[in-house]
C-alpha atoms as a PDB file:
ATOM      1  CA  MET A   1      38.056 -42.963  11.939  1.00  0.00           C
ATOM      2  CA  LEU A   2      38.017 -41.667  15.496  1.00  0.00           C
ATOM      3  CA  VAL A   3      37.672 -38.103  14.269  1.00  0.00           C
ATOM      4  CA  VAL A   4      34.718 -39.003  12.043  1.00  0.00           C
ATOM      5  CA  LEU A   5      33.025 -40.929  14.850  1.00  0.00           C
ATOM      6  CA  TRP A   6      33.475 -38.034  17.269  1.00  0.00           C
ATOM      7  CA  HIS A   7      32.103 -35.593  14.729  1.00  0.00           C
ATOM      8  CA  PHE A   8      29.005 -37.751  14.174  1.00  0.00           C
ATOM      9  CA  ASN A   9      28.258 -38.115  17.898  1.00  0.00           C
ATOM     10  CA  HIS A  10      28.872 -34.429  18.549  1.00  0.00           C
ATOM     11  CA  GLY A  11      26.531 -33.477  15.737  1.00  0.00           C
ATOM     12  CA  ASP A  12      23.892 -35.873  17.054  1.00  0.00           C
ATOM     13  CA  VAL A  13      24.066 -34.224  20.476  1.00  0.00           C
ATOM     14  CA  LEU A  14      23.734 -30.780  18.904  1.00  0.00           C
ATOM     15  CA  SER A  15      20.756 -31.971  16.889  1.00  0.00           C
ATOM     16  CA  ARG A  16      19.018 -33.324  19.991  1.00  0.00           C
ATOM     17  CA  THR A  17      19.736 -30.128  21.913  1.00  0.00           C
ATOM     18  CA  PHE A  18      18.317 -27.956  19.120  1.00  0.00           C
ATOM     19  CA  THR A  19      15.198 -30.131  18.890  1.00  0.00           C
ATOM     20  CA  ASP A  20      14.688 -29.880  22.632  1.00  0.00           C
ATOM     21  CA  LEU A  21      14.742 -26.063  22.366  1.00  0.00           C
ATOM     22  CA  LEU A  22      11.825 -26.152  19.898  1.00  0.00           C
ATOM     23  CA  ARG A  23       9.020 -26.081  22.432  1.00  0.00           C
ATOM     24  CA  MET A  24       5.909 -23.990  21.975  1.00  0.00           C
ATOM     25  CA  GLU A  25       3.435 -23.265  24.737  1.00  0.00           C
ATOM     26  CA  LEU A  26      -0.282 -23.189  23.998  1.00  0.00           C
ATOM     27  CA  TYR A  27      -2.590 -21.492  26.489  1.00  0.00           C
ATOM     28  CA  LEU A  28      -6.296 -22.328  26.437  1.00  0.00           C
ATOM     29  CA  ILE A  29      -8.353 -19.510  27.972  1.00  0.00           C
ATOM     30  CA  ARG A  30     -12.031 -19.901  28.670  1.00  0.00           C
ATOM     31  CA  HIS A  31     -14.114 -16.764  28.104  1.00  0.00           C
ATOM     32  CA  GLY A  32     -15.621 -14.772  30.967  1.00  0.00           C
ATOM     33  CA  GLN A  33     -19.090 -15.559  32.288  1.00  0.00           C
ATOM     34  CA  SER A  34     -21.727 -14.935  29.606  1.00  0.00           C
ATOM     35  CA  GLN A  35     -25.348 -13.896  29.928  1.00  0.00           C
ATOM     36  CA  ASN A  36     -26.353 -17.475  29.082  1.00  0.00           C
ATOM     37  CA  ASN A  37     -24.336 -18.821  32.022  1.00  0.00           C
ATOM     38  CA  ALA A  38     -26.507 -16.688  34.322  1.00  0.00           C
ATOM     39  CA  ARG A  39     -29.865 -17.585  32.689  1.00  0.00           C
ATOM     40  CA  PRO A  40     -32.175 -20.604  32.762  1.00  0.00           C
ATOM     41  CA  GLU A  41     -31.515 -22.819  29.749  1.00  0.00           C
ATOM     42  CA  LYS A  42     -34.864 -22.009  28.121  1.00  0.00           C
ATOM     43  CA  LEU A  43     -33.962 -18.292  28.027  1.00  0.00           C
ATOM     44  CA  ARG A  44     -30.553 -18.677  26.435  1.00  0.00           C
ATOM     45  CA  GLU A  45     -29.573 -16.866  23.234  1.00  0.00           C
ATOM     46  CA  GLU A  46     -27.354 -18.020  20.382  1.00  0.00           C
ATOM     47  CA  ASP A  47     -24.609 -15.419  20.902  1.00  0.00           C
ATOM     48  CA  PRO A  48     -24.744 -13.715  24.318  1.00  0.00           C
ATOM     49  CA  SER A  49     -22.398 -11.041  25.613  1.00  0.00           C
ATOM     50  CA  LEU A  50     -20.502 -11.134  28.906  1.00  0.00           C
ATOM     51  CA  THR A  51     -22.159 -10.418  32.248  1.00  0.00           C
ATOM     52  CA  GLU A  52     -20.760  -7.777  34.567  1.00  0.00           C
ATOM     53  CA  ASP A  53     -18.963 -10.569  36.447  1.00  0.00           C
ATOM     54  CA  GLY A  54     -17.650 -11.849  33.116  1.00  0.00           C
ATOM     55  CA  ARG A  55     -16.174  -8.445  32.323  1.00  0.00           C
ATOM     56  CA  ARG A  56     -14.573  -8.270  35.763  1.00  0.00           C
ATOM     57  CA  GLN A  57     -13.118 -11.754  35.283  1.00  0.00           C
ATOM     58  CA  ALA A  58     -11.632 -10.674  31.958  1.00  0.00           C
ATOM     59  CA  ASP A  59     -10.205  -7.530  33.554  1.00  0.00           C
ATOM     60  CA  HIS A  60      -8.487  -9.576  36.267  1.00  0.00           C
ATOM     61  CA  LEU A  61      -7.052 -11.918  33.651  1.00  0.00           C
ATOM     62  CA  ALA A  62      -5.853  -8.941  31.581  1.00  0.00           C
ATOM     63  CA  GLU A  63      -3.887  -7.638  34.569  1.00  0.00           C
ATOM     64  CA  TRP A  64      -2.256 -11.045  35.032  1.00  0.00           C
ATOM     65  CA  ILE A  65      -1.711 -12.238  31.484  1.00  0.00           C
ATOM     66  CA  TYR A  66       1.225 -10.035  30.474  1.00  0.00           C
ATOM     67  CA  HIS A  67       3.632 -12.325  32.363  1.00  0.00           C
ATOM     68  CA  LEU A  68       2.895 -15.147  29.860  1.00  0.00           C
ATOM     69  CA  ARG A  69       4.808 -13.193  27.163  1.00  0.00           C
ATOM     70  CA  LEU A  70       2.366 -14.267  24.467  1.00  0.00           C
ATOM     71  CA  THR A  71       3.348 -14.021  20.809  1.00  0.00           C
ATOM     72  CA  ARG A  72      -0.092 -14.800  19.287  1.00  0.00           C
ATOM     73  CA  LEU A  73      -3.662 -14.300  20.488  1.00  0.00           C
ATOM     74  CA  ILE A  74      -6.358 -16.260  18.623  1.00  0.00           C
ATOM     75  CA  THR A  75     -10.049 -16.256  19.476  1.00  0.00           C
ATOM     76  CA  SER A  76     -13.334 -17.982  18.730  1.00  0.00           C
ATOM     77  CA  PRO A  77     -15.835 -15.874  16.724  1.00  0.00           C
ATOM     78  CA  PHE A  78     -18.532 -15.932  19.426  1.00  0.00           C
ATOM     79  CA  LEU A  79     -19.280 -12.547  21.018  1.00  0.00           C
ATOM     80  CA  ARG A  80     -18.317 -13.676  24.536  1.00  0.00           C
ATOM     81  CA  THR A  81     -14.843 -14.737  23.394  1.00  0.00           C
ATOM     82  CA  LEU A  82     -14.374 -11.604  21.300  1.00  0.00           C
ATOM     83  CA  GLU A  83     -15.321  -9.455  24.300  1.00  0.00           C
ATOM     84  CA  THR A  84     -12.939 -11.391  26.549  1.00  0.00           C
ATOM     85  CA  THR A  85     -10.164 -10.968  23.985  1.00  0.00           C
ATOM     86  CA  ALA A  86     -10.807  -7.223  23.792  1.00  0.00           C
ATOM     87  CA  HIS A  87     -10.220  -6.972  27.558  1.00  0.00           C
ATOM     88  CA  LEU A  88      -6.958  -8.915  27.229  1.00  0.00           C
ATOM     89  CA  CYS A  89      -5.746  -6.603  24.474  1.00  0.00           C
ATOM     90  CA  GLN A  90      -5.759  -3.746  26.971  1.00  0.00           C
ATOM     91  CA  ARG A  91      -2.506  -5.237  28.329  1.00  0.00           C
ATOM     92  CA  LEU A  92      -1.128  -7.030  25.274  1.00  0.00           C
ATOM     93  CA  ASP A  93       0.587  -5.472  22.283  1.00  0.00           C
ATOM     94  CA  LEU A  94      -0.882  -8.061  19.923  1.00  0.00           C
ATOM     95  CA  ILE A  95      -3.333  -8.047  17.016  1.00  0.00           C
ATOM     96  CA  PRO A  96      -5.936 -10.730  17.817  1.00  0.00           C
ATOM     97  CA  GLU A  97      -6.977 -13.269  15.199  1.00  0.00           C
ATOM     98  CA  VAL A  98     -10.428 -14.840  14.764  1.00  0.00           C
ATOM     99  CA  ARG A  99     -10.703 -18.510  13.730  1.00  0.00           C
ATOM    100  CA  VAL A 100     -13.868 -20.578  13.365  1.00  0.00           C
ATOM    101  CA  ASP A 101     -12.422 -23.868  14.673  1.00  0.00           C
ATOM    102  CA  LEU A 102     -12.244 -22.449  18.211  1.00  0.00           C
ATOM    103  CA  HIS A 103     -16.036 -22.139  18.551  1.00  0.00           C
ATOM    104  CA  GLU A 104     -18.021 -23.891  21.275  1.00  0.00           C
ATOM    105  CA  LEU A 105     -19.375 -27.399  20.770  1.00  0.00           C
ATOM    106  CA  GLY A 106     -22.673 -27.246  18.881  1.00  0.00           C
ATOM    107  CA  GLY A 107     -22.032 -24.091  16.876  1.00  0.00           C
ATOM    108  CA  CYS A 108     -24.202 -20.988  16.730  1.00  0.00           C
ATOM    109  CA  VAL A 109     -27.720 -22.320  17.258  1.00  0.00           C
ATOM    110  CA  ALA A 110     -30.911 -21.267  19.044  1.00  0.00           C
ATOM    111  CA  GLY A 111     -34.009 -23.015  20.332  1.00  0.00           C
ATOM    112  CA  PRO A 112     -35.779 -24.301  23.445  1.00  0.00           C
ATOM    113  CA  ARG A 113     -34.087 -27.733  23.530  1.00  0.00           C
ATOM    114  CA  ILE A 114     -31.425 -29.773  21.718  1.00  0.00           C
ATOM    115  CA  ARG A 115     -33.776 -31.473  19.239  1.00  0.00           C
ATOM    116  CA  ALA A 116     -35.396 -28.158  18.314  1.00  0.00           C
ATOM    117  CA  LEU A 117     -32.214 -26.137  17.854  1.00  0.00           C
ATOM    118  CA  LYS A 118     -31.845 -24.231  14.599  1.00  0.00           C
ATOM    119  CA  GLY A 119     -28.689 -22.855  13.070  1.00  0.00           C
ATOM    120  CA  ARG A 120     -28.028 -19.129  13.132  1.00  0.00           C
ATOM    121  CA  PRO A 121     -25.588 -17.222  10.922  1.00  0.00           C
ATOM    122  CA  GLY A 122     -23.250 -15.989  13.658  1.00  0.00           C
ATOM    123  CA  MET A 123     -21.484 -12.634  13.330  1.00  0.00           C
ATOM    124  CA  THR A 124     -20.443 -11.640   9.821  1.00  0.00           C
ATOM    125  CA  ARG A 125     -16.995 -10.500   8.809  1.00  0.00           C
ATOM    126  CA  SER A 126     -18.027  -6.834   8.651  1.00  0.00           C
ATOM    127  CA  GLN A 127     -19.816  -7.029  12.009  1.00  0.00           C
ATOM    128  CA  ILE A 128     -16.673  -8.344  13.679  1.00  0.00           C
ATOM    129  CA  GLU A 129     -14.399  -5.828  11.946  1.00  0.00           C
ATOM    130  CA  ASP A 130     -16.718  -2.901  12.715  1.00  0.00           C
ATOM    131  CA  ARG A 131     -16.944  -3.831  16.383  1.00  0.00           C
ATOM    132  CA  TYR A 132     -13.218  -4.580  16.732  1.00  0.00           C
ATOM    133  CA  PRO A 133     -11.207  -2.401  14.309  1.00  0.00           C
ATOM    134  CA  GLY A 134      -7.852  -3.865  13.345  1.00  0.00           C
ATOM    135  CA  ILE A 135      -8.731  -7.434  14.280  1.00  0.00           C
ATOM    136  CA  LYS A 136      -7.543 -10.140  11.854  1.00  0.00           C
ATOM    137  CA  VAL A 137     -10.492 -12.241  10.656  1.00  0.00           C
ATOM    138  CA  ALA A 138      -9.973 -15.638   9.009  1.00  0.00           C
ATOM    139  CA  THR A 139     -10.728 -15.747   5.290  1.00  0.00           C
ATOM    140  CA  ASP A 140     -13.490 -18.357   5.718  1.00  0.00           C
ATOM    141  CA  ILE A 141     -15.635 -15.849   7.648  1.00  0.00           C
ATOM    142  CA  ASP A 142     -17.703 -13.779   5.215  1.00  0.00           C
ATOM    143  CA  GLU A 143     -21.009 -11.903   5.033  1.00  0.00           C
ATOM    144  CA  GLN A 144     -23.028 -15.098   5.472  1.00  0.00           C
ATOM    145  CA  GLY A 145     -21.829 -15.267   9.073  1.00  0.00           C
ATOM    146  CA  TRP A 146     -19.191 -17.568  10.511  1.00  0.00           C
ATOM    147  CA  TRP A 147     -21.705 -20.410  11.228  1.00  0.00           C
ATOM    148  CA  ARG A 148     -23.888 -19.909   8.129  1.00  0.00           C
ATOM    149  CA  CYS A 149     -27.031 -21.367   9.747  1.00  0.00           C
ATOM    150  CA  LYS A 150     -25.662 -24.919   9.797  1.00  0.00           C
ATOM    151  CA  PRO A 151     -27.416 -27.421  12.106  1.00  0.00           C
ATOM    152  CA  TYR A 152     -26.289 -28.272  15.613  1.00  0.00           C
ATOM    153  CA  GLU A 153     -22.791 -29.770  15.656  1.00  0.00           C
ATOM    154  CA  ALA A 154     -22.972 -33.264  17.185  1.00  0.00           C
ATOM    155  CA  TYR A 155     -20.269 -34.531  19.532  1.00  0.00           C
ATOM    156  CA  PRO A 156     -18.551 -36.857  16.977  1.00  0.00           C
ATOM    157  CA  VAL A 157     -18.237 -33.900  14.588  1.00  0.00           C
ATOM    158  CA  ALA A 158     -16.798 -31.751  17.388  1.00  0.00           C
ATOM    159  CA  ARG A 159     -14.228 -34.475  18.115  1.00  0.00           C
ATOM    160  CA  ARG A 160     -13.102 -34.429  14.493  1.00  0.00           C
ATOM    161  CA  ARG A 161     -12.853 -30.636  14.631  1.00  0.00           C
ATOM    162  CA  ALA A 162     -10.773 -30.843  17.813  1.00  0.00           C
ATOM    163  CA  ALA A 163      -8.439 -33.372  16.176  1.00  0.00           C
ATOM    164  CA  ARG A 164      -8.127 -31.094  13.148  1.00  0.00           C
ATOM    165  CA  LEU A 165      -7.380 -28.119  15.411  1.00  0.00           C
ATOM    166  CA  LEU A 166      -4.655 -30.076  17.207  1.00  0.00           C
ATOM    167  CA  ARG A 167      -3.061 -31.105  13.901  1.00  0.00           C
ATOM    168  CA  ARG A 168      -3.128 -27.529  12.649  1.00  0.00           C
ATOM    169  CA  THR A 169      -1.627 -26.274  15.909  1.00  0.00           C
ATOM    170  CA  ARG A 170       1.214 -28.786  15.698  1.00  0.00           C
ATOM    171  CA  ASP A 171       1.829 -28.028  12.023  1.00  0.00           C
ATOM    172  CA  GLU A 172       1.748 -24.256  12.484  1.00  0.00           C
ATOM    173  CA  PHE A 173       3.583 -23.872  15.780  1.00  0.00           C
ATOM    174  CA  GLY A 174       5.066 -27.244  16.786  1.00  0.00           C
ATOM    175  CA  GLN A 175       8.502 -26.481  15.304  1.00  0.00           C
ATOM    176  CA  SER A 176       8.738 -23.108  17.052  1.00  0.00           C
ATOM    177  CA  SER A 177       9.096 -21.468  20.440  1.00  0.00           C
ATOM    178  CA  GLU A 178       5.893 -19.432  20.122  1.00  0.00           C
ATOM    179  CA  ARG A 179       3.612 -18.745  23.086  1.00  0.00           C
ATOM    180  CA  VAL A 180       0.078 -18.854  21.690  1.00  0.00           C
ATOM    181  CA  ALA A 181      -3.256 -18.293  23.447  1.00  0.00           C
ATOM    182  CA  TYR A 182      -6.583 -19.614  22.204  1.00  0.00           C
ATOM    183  CA  VAL A 183      -9.573 -17.804  23.738  1.00  0.00           C
ATOM    184  CA  THR A 184     -12.235 -20.480  23.565  1.00  0.00           C
ATOM    185  CA  HIS A 185     -14.997 -22.358  25.436  1.00  0.00           C
ATOM    186  CA  ALA A 186     -15.381 -24.962  28.167  1.00  0.00           C
ATOM    187  CA  ASP A 187     -16.773 -27.946  26.258  1.00  0.00           C
ATOM    188  CA  ILE A 188     -14.536 -27.718  23.208  1.00  0.00           C
ATOM    189  CA  GLU A 189     -11.514 -27.146  25.463  1.00  0.00           C
ATOM    190  CA  VAL A 190     -12.173 -30.473  27.179  1.00  0.00           C
ATOM    191  CA  VAL A 191     -12.769 -32.234  23.831  1.00  0.00           C
ATOM    192  CA  PHE A 192      -9.516 -30.754  22.488  1.00  0.00           C
ATOM    193  CA  LEU A 193      -7.541 -31.969  25.502  1.00  0.00           C
ATOM    194  CA  GLU A 194      -9.071 -35.445  25.179  1.00  0.00           C
ATOM    195  CA  GLN A 195      -7.170 -35.812  21.905  1.00  0.00           C
ATOM    196  CA  PHE A 196      -3.920 -36.400  23.809  1.00  0.00           C
ATOM    197  CA  HIS A 197      -4.718 -36.416  27.553  1.00  0.00           C
ATOM    198  CA  ASP A 198      -6.265 -39.606  28.949  1.00  0.00           C
ATOM    199  CA  GLU A 199      -7.309 -38.512  32.447  1.00  0.00           C
ATOM    200  CA  PRO A 200     -10.846 -37.095  33.016  1.00  0.00           C
ATOM    201  CA  LEU A 201     -11.114 -33.318  33.333  1.00  0.00           C
ATOM    202  CA  GLU A 202     -13.648 -31.193  35.183  1.00  0.00           C
ATOM    203  CA  CYS A 203     -15.319 -28.199  33.575  1.00  0.00           C
ATOM    204  CA  PRO A 204     -12.905 -25.223  33.560  1.00  0.00           C
ATOM    205  CA  TRP A 205     -13.716 -22.022  35.453  1.00  0.00           C
ATOM    206  CA  HIS A 206     -14.464 -18.827  33.554  1.00  0.00           C
ATOM    207  CA  THR A 207     -11.242 -17.173  32.314  1.00  0.00           C
ATOM    208  CA  SER A 208      -9.214 -20.107  33.622  1.00  0.00           C
ATOM    209  CA  VAL A 209      -5.912 -20.812  31.859  1.00  0.00           C
ATOM    210  CA  SER A 210      -4.592 -24.220  30.816  1.00  0.00           C
ATOM    211  CA  ARG A 211      -1.044 -24.649  29.489  1.00  0.00           C
ATOM    212  CA  ILE A 212      -0.015 -27.222  26.893  1.00  0.00           C
ATOM    213  CA  VAL A 213       3.571 -27.920  25.873  1.00  0.00           C
ATOM    214  CA  ILE A 214       4.063 -28.981  22.250  1.00  0.00           C
ATOM    215  CA  SER A 215       7.444 -30.027  20.866  1.00  0.00           C
ATOM    216  CA  PRO A 216       8.665 -32.383  18.132  1.00  0.00           C
ATOM    217  CA  ARG A 217       8.871 -35.058  20.855  1.00  0.00           C
ATOM    218  CA  GLU A 218       5.659 -34.589  22.840  1.00  0.00           C
ATOM    219  CA  THR A 219       2.313 -32.916  23.415  1.00  0.00           C
ATOM    220  CA  ARG A 220       1.371 -32.726  27.093  1.00  0.00           C
ATOM    221  CA  LEU A 221      -0.931 -30.871  29.443  1.00  0.00           C
ATOM    222  CA  ALA A 222       1.329 -28.989  31.858  1.00  0.00           C
ATOM    223  CA  ASP A 223      -1.257 -26.965  33.826  1.00  0.00           C
ATOM    224  CA  TYR A 224      -5.049 -27.148  33.893  1.00  0.00           C
ATOM    225  CA  ASN A 225      -7.738 -24.710  34.978  1.00  0.00           C
ATOM    226  CA  LEU A 226      -5.454 -22.099  36.582  1.00  0.00           C
ATOM    227  CA  VAL A 227      -7.428 -19.310  38.290  1.00  0.00           C
ATOM    228  CA  GLU A 228      -4.834 -17.557  40.437  1.00  0.00           C
ATOM    229  CA  HIS A 229      -5.799 -14.264  38.794  1.00  0.00           C
ATOM    230  CA  LEU A 230      -9.392 -14.448  40.099  1.00  0.00           C
ATOM    231  CA  PRO A 231     -10.665 -13.394  43.534  1.00  0.00           C
ATOM    232  CA  ALA A 232     -12.818 -16.064  45.191  1.00  0.00           C
ATOM    233  CA  GLU A 233     -16.089 -14.200  44.547  1.00  0.00           C
ATOM    234  CA  LEU A 234     -15.464 -14.265  40.779  1.00  0.00           C
ATOM    235  CA  MET A 235     -14.796 -17.980  40.434  1.00  0.00           C
ATOM    236  CA  THR A 236     -17.781 -19.213  38.425  1.00  0.00           C
ATOM    237  CA  ARG A 237     -18.423 -22.232  36.242  1.00  0.00           C
END
């Protein structure tokens, strides 16, 4: 009886230790400054590229990011995130992946004000693949564009998308020790973090890095809005 009891307790300890080792790290990276960030709201476009400062921000992050030892790099389909990801790939031996659920709150829309916004198609599969050869594009992105001219995505819909993204992240990586980066956007990053983090969060800086720890036991925000890779003159909202 003593031997059986010891064996059970010993196995329980081993099980807990193994579970504790299953801890993935998720890094949320905001894109570099886009042309829209530097324009008046009435002059904004549906899918702007990076500014010169945005490219410099991405270059500084690329020089710093190798120490994270990333195993996966996944990006939003907007041009500004794709361009940021391309800069990061200069230092990472990874094939980036494009997924729709990482897009900014609202979707790909254009217009002079919220109530007059109209859906735009977004980049098509071939446009993304031609611009970034070798990139892995999700199967739900086709020649109709990743947004397919849908209307503006309201906040409640974005919250449901963020909850879905969190569930998928836990299901896909939560039982692993992967180190995954999502290159995404300020508003949806905050909405995503609200799914499990109760404290209010300020808008992240461009190319800031936030670290989330996900294990079978917990999901927690470990670091938020890190910008140690940026010189002071490149810290922009």
